[in-house]
Amino acid sequence: MTENPSQTNVWLFRLFTALWMATAIPITIFSFFLLELPLWPEFDAESTPEGIALWAATAAWFYVTPVALIIVARRWSGRGTS
């Protein structure tokens, strides 16, 4: 029972996209209601390196992941190749 790798990749891509949307949509809605940019912190003197690293990882997930998803989708559709 071997599966077609492309079907597995598509399934993982859709799962990853759904996971990103499940985390990004609530952040965006919350930021919209507060009228502020999503994940735009103001670090003060009490900020710890661990807290800043956690914010950086969350911001990367929020901002970098959709760019990676778009690149992968374009490559699969053939428009991203030269």
Protein backbone atom coordinates (compact mmCIF):
# COMPACT_ATOMS: atom_id res chain seq x y z
CA MET A 1 0.00 0.00 0.00
CA THR A 2 2.28 2.73 -1.20
CA GLU A 3 0.82 6.16 -1.63
CA ASN A 4 1.62 8.56 -4.40
CA PRO A 5 4.17 11.04 -2.92
CA SER A 6 2.53 13.98 -4.66
CA GLN A 7 -0.80 13.16 -2.98
CA THR A 8 0.95 12.99 0.38
CA ASN A 9 2.68 16.31 -0.28
CA VAL A 10 -0.60 17.94 -1.25
CA TRP A 11 -2.26 16.57 1.88
CA LEU A 12 0.57 17.88 4.09
CA PHE A 13 0.46 21.24 2.30
CA ARG A 14 -3.27 21.56 2.94
CA LEU A 15 -2.86 20.48 6.57
CA PHE A 16 -0.07 23.02 7.09
CA THR A 17 -2.15 25.74 5.43
CA ALA A 18 -5.16 24.93 7.62
CA LEU A 19 -2.99 25.01 10.74
CA TRP A 20 -1.56 28.39 9.74
CA MET A 21 -5.02 29.78 9.05
CA ALA A 22 -6.34 28.47 12.37
CA THR A 23 -3.67 30.46 14.20
CA ALA A 24 -3.39 33.54 11.96
CA ILE A 25 -7.08 34.37 11.56
CA PRO A 26 -7.74 34.85 15.30
CA ILE A 27 -4.61 37.02 15.63
CA THR A 28 -5.74 39.15 12.69
CA ILE A 29 -9.30 39.55 14.01
CA PHE A 30 -8.05 40.43 17.49
CA SER A 31 -5.63 43.01 16.05
CA PHE A 32 -8.39 44.48 13.89
CA PHE A 33 -10.65 45.00 16.92
CA LEU A 34 -7.81 46.61 18.87
CA LEU A 35 -6.87 48.76 15.84
CA GLU A 36 -3.19 47.83 15.93
CA LEU A 37 -0.74 46.01 13.70
CA PRO A 38 -0.63 42.26 14.35
CA LEU A 39 2.33 41.14 16.43
CA TRP A 40 3.96 44.57 16.70
CA PRO A 41 5.32 44.60 20.26
CA GLU A 42 6.90 47.26 22.36
CA PHE A 43 9.72 45.70 24.35
CA ASP A 44 10.58 47.34 27.64
CA ALA A 45 13.37 46.85 30.18
CA GLU A 46 11.58 43.87 31.74
CA SER A 47 11.58 41.88 28.49
CA THR A 48 13.59 38.68 28.66
CA PRO A 49 15.57 37.10 25.82
CA GLU A 50 13.28 34.07 26.05
CA GLY A 51 10.19 36.26 25.65
CA ILE A 52 11.69 38.09 22.69
CA ALA A 53 12.66 34.76 21.09
CA LEU A 54 9.12 33.46 21.58
CA TRP A 55 7.73 36.60 19.98
CA ALA A 56 10.18 36.25 17.06
CA ALA A 57 9.13 32.63 16.46
CA THR A 58 5.45 33.56 16.58
CA ALA A 59 5.95 36.52 14.26
CA ALA A 60 7.91 34.35 11.83
CA TRP A 61 5.07 31.82 11.84
CA PHE A 62 2.56 34.62 11.21
CA TYR A 63 4.48 36.58 8.54
CA VAL A 64 6.92 34.15 6.86
CA THR A 65 4.72 31.05 6.58
CA PRO A 66 2.24 32.49 4.06
CA VAL A 67 5.13 33.58 1.84
CA ALA A 68 6.54 30.05 1.92
CA LEU A 69 3.11 28.57 1.20
CA ILE A 70 2.66 30.86 -1.81
CA ILE A 71 6.11 29.93 -3.16
CA VAL A 72 5.39 26.21 -2.80
CA ALA A 73 1.95 26.55 -4.42
CA ARG A 74 3.40 28.47 -7.38
CA ARG A 75 6.15 25.91 -7.90
CA TRP A 76 3.60 23.11 -7.90
CA SER A 77 1.43 24.92 -10.41
CA GLY A 78 4.41 25.50 -12.70
CA ARG A 79 4.30 29.31 -12.69
CA GLY A 80 7.31 29.68 -10.39
CA THR A 81 9.75 27.81 -12.62
CA SER A 82 11.87 29.48 -15.25
